[in-house]
Protein backbone atom coordinates (compact mmCIF):
# COMPACT_ATOMS: atom_id res chain seq x y z
CA MET A 1 0.09 0.06 0.05
CA LEU A 2 1.29 3.31 -0.86
CA LYS A 3 1.39 6.10 1.70
CA ALA A 4 -0.21 9.19 0.90
CA ALA A 5 1.95 11.99 -0.45
CA HIS A 6 0.80 14.39 2.45
CA PRO A 7 -0.30 13.43 6.08
CA ALA A 8 -3.54 14.24 6.57
CA GLY A 9 -4.27 17.52 7.84
CA GLU A 10 -1.48 18.91 6.23
CA HIS A 11 -1.64 21.65 4.14
CA LEU A 12 -1.21 21.04 0.45
CA ASP A 13 -0.49 24.50 -1.05
CA THR A 14 2.28 25.27 1.79
CA PRO A 15 5.83 24.77 0.72
CA PRO A 16 7.98 23.41 3.45
CA ILE A 17 9.75 26.43 5.47
CA THR A 18 13.09 25.18 3.62
CA ALA A 19 11.40 26.28 0.49
CA LEU A 20 9.70 29.21 1.80
CA ILE A 21 12.46 31.09 3.44
CA PRO A 22 14.89 30.98 0.17
CA GLN A 23 12.27 31.91 -2.02
CA ALA A 24 10.78 34.81 -0.16
CA ARG A 25 14.58 36.04 0.53
CA ARG A 26 15.55 35.72 -3.33
CA GLU A 27 12.03 37.59 -3.99
CA HIS A 28 12.88 40.47 -1.54
CA GLY A 29 16.81 40.53 -3.39
CA LEU A 30 18.13 39.52 -0.10
CA THR A 31 21.00 37.24 0.73
CA GLN A 32 21.29 34.83 3.59
CA ARG A 33 23.76 37.37 5.45
CA ALA A 34 21.52 40.36 4.83
CA LEU A 35 18.21 38.34 5.98
CA ALA A 36 20.25 37.37 9.25
CA ASP A 37 21.17 41.24 9.54
CA LEU A 38 17.83 42.18 8.87
CA LEU A 39 16.40 39.62 11.31
CA CYS A 40 18.86 41.10 14.13
CA GLU A 41 17.93 44.63 13.42
CA ILE A 42 14.28 44.09 13.74
CA SER A 43 14.29 41.80 16.44
CA GLN A 44 16.78 43.66 18.44
CA ASN A 45 18.34 40.62 18.79
CA ASP A 46 22.05 39.64 17.20
CA SER A 47 21.65 35.85 17.54
CA ILE A 48 21.05 35.25 14.17
CA THR A 49 23.75 34.28 11.40
CA ARG A 50 24.02 33.86 7.96
CA GLU A 51 24.91 30.45 8.75
CA GLU A 52 21.35 29.61 11.04
CA VAL A 53 19.55 31.32 8.14
CA SER A 54 21.41 28.77 5.89
CA ARG A 55 20.86 25.79 8.16
CA TRP A 56 16.75 26.86 8.08
CA GLU A 57 16.77 26.74 4.22
CA ARG A 58 18.52 23.33 4.40
CA GLY A 59 16.29 21.68 6.60
CA LYS A 60 19.04 20.89 9.50
CA ARG A 61 16.97 23.19 11.70
CA ILE A 62 13.50 24.61 11.92
CA PRO A 63 13.45 28.16 13.00
CA GLY A 64 11.42 28.20 16.81
CA PRO A 65 7.93 30.20 17.08
CA TYR A 66 9.83 33.21 17.93
CA TRP A 67 12.02 33.56 15.16
CA ARG A 68 9.22 32.55 12.71
CA ALA A 69 7.23 35.93 13.79
CA TRP A 70 10.59 37.81 12.81
CA ILE A 71 10.80 35.91 9.87
CA SER A 72 7.16 36.64 8.70
CA ALA A 73 8.16 40.59 9.31
CA ALA A 74 11.33 40.60 7.34
CA LEU A 75 10.05 38.68 4.35
CA ASP A 76 6.30 39.97 4.56
CA VAL A 77 4.64 36.38 4.56
CA PRO A 78 1.89 35.90 6.68
CA HIS A 79 2.96 34.49 9.99
CA ALA A 80 0.35 31.85 10.04
CA GLU A 81 2.04 30.74 6.24
CA VAL A 82 5.33 30.68 8.05
CA ASP A 83 3.91 28.31 11.02
CA ARG A 84 2.24 26.12 8.37
CA ALA A 85 5.58 26.11 6.57
CA ALA A 86 7.08 24.59 9.94
CA VAL A 87 4.74 22.24 10.70
CA VAL A 88 5.08 20.91 6.62
CA GLU A 89 8.59 20.37 7.15
CA ARG A 90 8.27 18.70 10.07
CA ALA A 91 5.65 16.25 9.07
CA SER A 92 8.16 15.84 6.25
CA ARG A 93 10.98 15.01 8.29
CA ARG A 94 8.90 12.34 10.07
CA ALA A 95 7.74 10.51 6.99
CA ARG A 96 11.45 10.53 5.77
CA THR A 97 12.53 9.13 9.22
CA GLU A 98 9.79 6.19 9.26
CA ASP A 99 10.78 5.44 5.64
CA ARG A 100 14.61 4.77 6.67
CA PRO A 101 15.06 0.99 7.64
CA HIS A 102 16.08 0.36 10.91
CA THR A 103 18.88 -1.59 11.20
CA VAL A 104 20.99 -3.49 14.19
CA GLY A 105 24.63 -2.81 14.24
CA THR A 106 26.93 -5.65 15.26
CA VAL A 107 29.77 -5.80 17.86
CA GLY A 108 32.73 -6.88 16.48
């Protein structure tokens, strides 16, 4: 039996946050560094770097609620859409994890 491409309840028209951030960033003519600088400026929190933006875009990390609110403001994307994009990415991660075969290592 084939798995559904999108789990029930998932928003079919919302891309994962790994696609939403770079697309919106490029539409605004921003580099990863410029987005990081903008996020630091508008949030008055200097903890975001270009490397963190890269991690979000590569799916290594999913921005938390605090940063999703600022991403929404910086990229002029509705906050609910950014939140849905994070949910879509999380569901995608779970699906990839469930699809991986579980192997048991042997001791030498």
